[in-house]
């Protein structure tokens, strides 16, 4: 009877080892699947980042063009702006002199 128990205990140990190996293999397969999914997500994220960088580079180029155009326009507009400022300064001086004369006449 003791011998039967040892044989049964040995069979149980062998069965539990076999089950343990099956579980380890199943977990290994799940881990492999998860790693494959992680690589897919990583590749997808990299592609998304590349697309986003391309969009940002296009926007940066457009902003640089707009800035260059603005710089050219402001340089071209500087002569009329200076002339307008000089005229305004002259008109203000004339108005101050006229007001000063009127003020002196009222004394």
N, C-alpha and C. Protein backbone atom coordinates (compact mmCIF):
# COMPACT_ATOMS: atom_id res chain seq x y z
N UNK A 1 0.81 -1.18 0.00
CA UNK A 1 0.00 0.00 0.00
C UNK A 1 0.86 1.25 0.00
N UNK A 2 1.93 1.24 0.75
CA UNK A 2 2.84 2.38 0.78
C UNK A 2 3.47 2.57 -0.59
N UNK A 3 3.71 1.44 -1.24
CA UNK A 3 4.31 1.53 -2.56
C UNK A 3 3.34 2.18 -3.55
N UNK A 4 2.05 1.85 -3.46
CA UNK A 4 1.05 2.45 -4.34
C UNK A 4 0.99 3.95 -4.12
N UNK A 5 1.10 4.33 -2.88
CA UNK A 5 1.07 5.76 -2.57
C UNK A 5 2.25 6.48 -3.20
N UNK A 6 3.43 5.87 -3.14
CA UNK A 6 4.62 6.47 -3.73
C UNK A 6 4.47 6.58 -5.24
N UNK A 7 3.91 5.54 -5.84
CA UNK A 7 3.71 5.54 -7.29
C UNK A 7 2.70 6.62 -7.66
N UNK A 8 1.61 6.70 -6.91
CA UNK A 8 0.60 7.72 -7.17
C UNK A 8 1.16 9.12 -6.94
N UNK A 9 1.96 9.27 -5.89
CA UNK A 9 2.57 10.57 -5.61
C UNK A 9 3.52 10.95 -6.73
N UNK A 10 4.27 10.00 -7.24
CA UNK A 10 5.20 10.26 -8.35
C UNK A 10 4.45 10.65 -9.60
N UNK A 11 3.33 9.96 -9.86
CA UNK A 11 2.52 10.29 -11.04
C UNK A 11 1.92 11.68 -10.91
N UNK A 12 1.50 12.01 -9.70
CA UNK A 12 0.94 13.35 -9.48
C UNK A 12 1.99 14.42 -9.70
N UNK A 13 3.21 14.16 -9.20
CA UNK A 13 4.29 15.12 -9.38
C UNK A 13 4.60 15.29 -10.87
N UNK A 14 4.65 14.17 -11.58
CA UNK A 14 4.92 14.23 -13.02
C UNK A 14 3.80 14.99 -13.74
N UNK A 15 2.57 14.73 -13.33
CA UNK A 15 1.44 15.42 -13.95
C UNK A 15 1.48 16.90 -13.63
N UNK A 16 1.83 17.25 -12.39
CA UNK A 16 1.88 18.67 -12.05
C UNK A 16 3.03 19.36 -12.78
N UNK A 17 4.15 18.65 -12.96
CA UNK A 17 5.26 19.22 -13.74
C UNK A 17 4.83 19.43 -15.19
N UNK A 18 4.12 18.46 -15.74
CA UNK A 18 3.64 18.56 -17.11
C UNK A 18 2.68 19.74 -17.25
N UNK A 19 1.77 19.87 -16.28
CA UNK A 19 0.85 21.01 -16.29
C UNK A 19 1.60 22.34 -16.16
N UNK A 20 2.61 22.33 -15.30
CA UNK A 20 3.40 23.53 -15.11
C UNK A 20 4.10 23.91 -16.42
N UNK A 21 4.67 22.92 -17.12
CA UNK A 21 5.34 23.18 -18.40
C UNK A 21 4.33 23.71 -19.43
N UNK A 22 3.13 23.13 -19.43
CA UNK A 22 2.09 23.60 -20.36
C UNK A 22 1.72 25.05 -20.06
N UNK A 23 1.60 25.37 -18.79
CA UNK A 23 1.27 26.75 -18.40
C UNK A 23 2.39 27.71 -18.79
N UNK A 24 3.63 27.29 -18.59
CA UNK A 24 4.76 28.14 -18.95
C UNK A 24 4.78 28.38 -20.45
N UNK A 25 4.51 27.33 -21.24
CA UNK A 25 4.47 27.50 -22.70
C UNK A 25 3.32 28.42 -23.10
N UNK A 26 2.16 28.27 -22.45
CA UNK A 26 1.01 29.12 -22.76
C UNK A 26 1.32 30.58 -22.44
N UNK A 27 1.95 30.81 -21.29
CA UNK A 27 2.33 32.17 -20.91
C UNK A 27 3.37 32.70 -21.89
N UNK A 28 4.29 31.86 -22.31
CA UNK A 28 5.29 32.27 -23.30
C UNK A 28 4.65 32.67 -24.62
N UNK A 29 3.64 31.93 -25.06
CA UNK A 29 2.93 32.28 -26.30
C UNK A 29 2.21 33.61 -26.14
N UNK A 30 1.59 33.80 -24.99
CA UNK A 30 0.91 35.07 -24.74
C UNK A 30 1.91 36.23 -24.74
N UNK A 31 3.06 36.00 -24.14
CA UNK A 31 4.09 37.02 -24.10
C UNK A 31 4.59 37.34 -25.51
N UNK A 32 4.78 36.30 -26.33
CA UNK A 32 5.20 36.53 -27.72
C UNK A 32 4.14 37.35 -28.46
N UNK A 33 2.87 37.03 -28.25
CA UNK A 33 1.79 37.77 -28.92
C UNK A 33 1.79 39.23 -28.46
N UNK A 34 1.95 39.43 -27.15
CA UNK A 34 1.99 40.79 -26.62
C UNK A 34 3.18 41.58 -27.18
N UNK A 35 4.31 40.94 -27.31
CA UNK A 35 5.49 41.61 -27.88
C UNK A 35 5.24 41.99 -29.34
N UNK A 36 4.60 41.09 -30.09
CA UNK A 36 4.28 41.40 -31.49
C UNK A 36 3.32 42.59 -31.57
N UNK A 37 2.33 42.61 -30.70
CA UNK A 37 1.39 43.73 -30.68
C UNK A 37 2.10 45.03 -30.29
N UNK A 38 3.01 44.93 -29.34
CA UNK A 38 3.76 46.12 -28.93
C UNK A 38 4.60 46.66 -30.08
N UNK A 39 5.20 45.77 -30.86
CA UNK A 39 5.97 46.21 -32.03
C UNK A 39 5.08 46.87 -33.07
N UNK A 40 3.87 46.33 -33.25
CA UNK A 40 2.92 46.93 -34.20
C UNK A 40 2.56 48.35 -33.75
N UNK A 41 2.26 48.49 -32.47
CA UNK A 41 1.90 49.80 -31.92
C UNK A 41 3.07 50.77 -32.03
N UNK A 42 4.26 50.27 -31.75
CA UNK A 42 5.46 51.12 -31.84
C UNK A 42 5.66 51.60 -33.27
N UNK A 43 5.54 50.70 -34.24
CA UNK A 43 5.70 51.09 -35.64
C UNK A 43 4.63 52.08 -36.06
N UNK A 44 3.41 51.86 -35.60
CA UNK A 44 2.32 52.77 -35.92
C UNK A 44 2.58 54.15 -35.32
N UNK A 45 3.05 54.18 -34.09
CA UNK A 45 3.36 55.45 -33.42
C UNK A 45 4.49 56.17 -34.15
N UNK A 46 5.50 55.43 -34.58
CA UNK A 46 6.60 56.06 -35.31
C UNK A 46 6.11 56.67 -36.61
N UNK A 47 5.24 55.95 -37.31
CA UNK A 47 4.69 56.47 -38.56
C UNK A 47 3.87 57.73 -38.29
N UNK A 48 3.10 57.72 -37.22
CA UNK A 48 2.32 58.90 -36.85
C UNK A 48 3.21 60.09 -36.53
N UNK A 49 4.29 59.84 -35.84
CA UNK A 49 5.22 60.91 -35.50
C UNK A 49 5.86 61.47 -36.76
N UNK A 50 6.22 60.59 -37.68
CA UNK A 50 6.83 61.06 -38.93
C UNK A 50 5.84 61.93 -39.69
N UNK A 51 4.57 61.49 -39.76
CA UNK A 51 3.54 62.30 -40.44
C UNK A 51 3.38 63.65 -39.76
N UNK A 52 3.34 63.65 -38.44
CA UNK A 52 3.16 64.90 -37.69
C UNK A 52 4.35 65.83 -37.90
N UNK A 53 5.56 65.28 -37.93
CA UNK A 53 6.74 66.10 -38.19
C UNK A 53 6.69 66.71 -39.59
N UNK A 54 6.22 65.95 -40.56
CA UNK A 54 6.11 66.48 -41.91
C UNK A 54 5.13 67.65 -41.95
N UNK A 55 4.00 67.50 -41.27
CA UNK A 55 3.01 68.58 -41.22
C UNK A 55 3.61 69.81 -40.55
N UNK A 56 4.32 69.61 -39.45
CA UNK A 56 4.93 70.74 -38.74
C UNK A 56 6.01 71.42 -39.59
N UNK A 57 6.76 70.63 -40.34
CA UNK A 57 7.78 71.22 -41.20
C UNK A 57 7.14 72.06 -42.30
N UNK A 58 6.01 71.57 -42.85
CA UNK A 58 5.31 72.36 -43.87
C UNK A 58 4.80 73.67 -43.27
N UNK A 59 4.25 73.59 -42.06
CA UNK A 59 3.76 74.81 -41.41
C UNK A 59 4.90 75.77 -41.11
N UNK A 60 6.04 75.24 -40.71
CA UNK A 60 7.20 76.09 -40.44
C UNK A 60 7.66 76.77 -41.72
N UNK A 61 7.69 76.03 -42.83
CA UNK A 61 8.10 76.62 -44.11
C UNK A 61 7.13 77.73 -44.52
N UNK A 62 5.82 77.49 -44.33
CA UNK A 62 4.83 78.51 -44.66
C UNK A 62 5.00 79.75 -43.79
N UNK A 63 5.29 79.55 -42.52
CA UNK A 63 5.50 80.68 -41.61
C UNK A 63 6.76 81.46 -42.01
N UNK A 64 7.81 80.74 -42.40
CA UNK A 64 9.03 81.42 -42.85
C UNK A 64 8.77 82.24 -44.11
N UNK A 65 7.98 81.68 -45.03
CA UNK A 65 7.64 82.42 -46.25
C UNK A 65 6.84 83.68 -45.91
N UNK A 66 5.86 83.53 -45.02
CA UNK A 66 5.05 84.69 -44.63
C UNK A 66 5.90 85.75 -43.96
N UNK A 67 6.83 85.32 -43.13
CA UNK A 67 7.72 86.26 -42.46
C UNK A 67 8.62 86.98 -43.46
N UNK A 68 9.14 86.23 -44.43
CA UNK A 68 9.99 86.85 -45.45
C UNK A 68 9.18 87.85 -46.28
N UNK A 69 7.94 87.49 -46.62
CA UNK A 69 7.08 88.40 -47.38
C UNK A 69 6.80 89.66 -46.57
N UNK A 70 6.51 89.49 -45.29
CA UNK A 70 6.25 90.64 -44.42
C UNK A 70 7.49 91.53 -44.35
N UNK A 71 8.66 90.92 -44.27
CA UNK A 71 9.89 91.70 -44.23
C UNK A 71 10.09 92.50 -45.51
N UNK A 72 9.81 91.88 -46.65
CA UNK A 72 9.92 92.61 -47.92
C UNK A 72 8.91 93.73 -48.00
N UNK A 73 7.69 93.47 -47.53
CA UNK A 73 6.64 94.49 -47.58
C UNK A 73 6.96 95.65 -46.66
N UNK A 74 7.46 95.34 -45.47
CA UNK A 74 7.75 96.43 -44.54
C UNK A 74 8.92 97.27 -45.04
N UNK A 75 9.88 96.64 -45.70
CA UNK A 75 10.99 97.41 -46.27
C UNK A 75 10.48 98.30 -47.40
N UNK A 76 9.57 97.78 -48.20
CA UNK A 76 9.02 98.58 -49.30
C UNK A 76 8.11 99.68 -48.77
N UNK A 77 7.46 99.43 -47.65
CA UNK A 77 6.53 100.42 -47.10
C UNK A 77 7.24 101.45 -46.22
N UNK A 78 8.51 101.27 -45.97
CA UNK A 78 9.19 102.18 -45.04
C UNK A 78 9.30 103.59 -45.61
N UNK A 79 9.54 103.73 -46.92
CA UNK A 79 9.68 105.07 -47.50
C UNK A 79 8.37 105.86 -47.37
N UNK A 80 7.21 105.30 -47.75
CA UNK A 80 5.98 106.06 -47.56
C UNK A 80 5.67 106.30 -46.08
N UNK A 81 6.05 105.36 -45.24
CA UNK A 81 5.81 105.52 -43.80
C UNK A 81 6.64 106.69 -43.26
N UNK A 82 7.90 106.76 -43.65
CA UNK A 82 8.76 107.85 -43.18
C UNK A 82 8.23 109.19 -43.70
N UNK A 83 7.83 109.19 -44.97
CA UNK A 83 7.30 110.44 -45.55
C UNK A 83 6.03 110.87 -44.81
N UNK A 84 5.17 109.90 -44.50
CA UNK A 84 3.95 110.21 -43.76
C UNK A 84 4.25 110.73 -42.37
N UNK A 85 5.23 110.13 -41.70
CA UNK A 85 5.60 110.58 -40.35
C UNK A 85 6.18 112.00 -40.41
N UNK A 86 6.99 112.28 -41.43
CA UNK A 86 7.57 113.62 -41.56
C UNK A 86 6.47 114.65 -41.81
N UNK A 87 5.50 114.30 -42.65
CA UNK A 87 4.39 115.21 -42.93
C UNK A 87 3.58 115.46 -41.66
N UNK A 88 3.31 114.37 -40.92
CA UNK A 88 2.55 114.50 -39.67
C UNK A 88 3.31 115.38 -38.68
N UNK A 89 4.61 115.20 -38.58
CA UNK A 89 5.42 116.01 -37.67
C UNK A 89 5.39 117.48 -38.09
N UNK A 90 5.49 117.70 -39.39
CA UNK A 90 5.43 119.07 -39.91
C UNK A 90 4.07 119.70 -39.60
N UNK A 91 2.97 118.93 -39.84
CA UNK A 91 1.63 119.45 -39.57
C UNK A 91 1.43 119.75 -38.08
N UNK A 92 1.98 118.88 -37.22
CA UNK A 92 1.87 119.13 -35.78
C UNK A 92 2.63 120.39 -35.39
N UNK A 93 3.80 120.58 -35.96
CA UNK A 93 4.57 121.80 -35.68
C UNK A 93 3.81 123.05 -36.12
N UNK A 94 3.21 122.97 -37.29
CA UNK A 94 2.43 124.09 -37.82
C UNK A 94 1.25 124.37 -36.90
N UNK A 95 0.54 123.32 -36.45
CA UNK A 95 -0.62 123.50 -35.56
C UNK A 95 -0.19 124.09 -34.23
N UNK A 96 0.95 123.69 -33.70
CA UNK A 96 1.44 124.22 -32.42
C UNK A 96 1.78 125.70 -32.59
N UNK A 97 2.44 126.05 -33.72
CA UNK A 97 2.78 127.46 -33.95
C UNK A 97 1.51 128.31 -34.07
N UNK A 98 0.51 127.80 -34.78
CA UNK A 98 -0.75 128.55 -34.92
C UNK A 98 -1.43 128.73 -33.57
N UNK A 99 -1.47 127.69 -32.78
CA UNK A 99 -2.09 127.78 -31.46
C UNK A 99 -1.33 128.75 -30.57
N UNK A 100 -0.01 128.74 -30.71
CA UNK A 100 0.81 129.65 -29.93
C UNK A 100 0.51 131.10 -30.33
N UNK A 101 0.39 131.36 -31.62
CA UNK A 101 0.05 132.73 -32.07
C UNK A 101 -1.30 133.16 -31.52
N UNK A 102 -2.28 132.30 -31.61
CA UNK A 102 -3.62 132.62 -31.11
C UNK A 102 -3.59 132.89 -29.61
N UNK A 103 -2.79 132.11 -28.91
CA UNK A 103 -2.69 132.27 -27.46
C UNK A 103 -2.07 133.61 -27.14
N UNK A 104 -1.04 133.98 -27.89
CA UNK A 104 -0.38 135.28 -27.65
C UNK A 104 -1.29 136.43 -28.00
N UNK A 105 -2.14 136.26 -29.00
CA UNK A 105 -3.03 137.33 -29.41
C UNK A 105 -4.15 137.57 -28.38
N UNK A 106 -4.50 136.56 -27.63
CA UNK A 106 -5.56 136.71 -26.66
C UNK A 106 -5.08 137.37 -25.38
N UNK A 107 -3.80 137.54 -25.18
CA UNK A 107 -3.28 138.17 -23.96
C UNK A 107 -3.66 139.57 -23.90
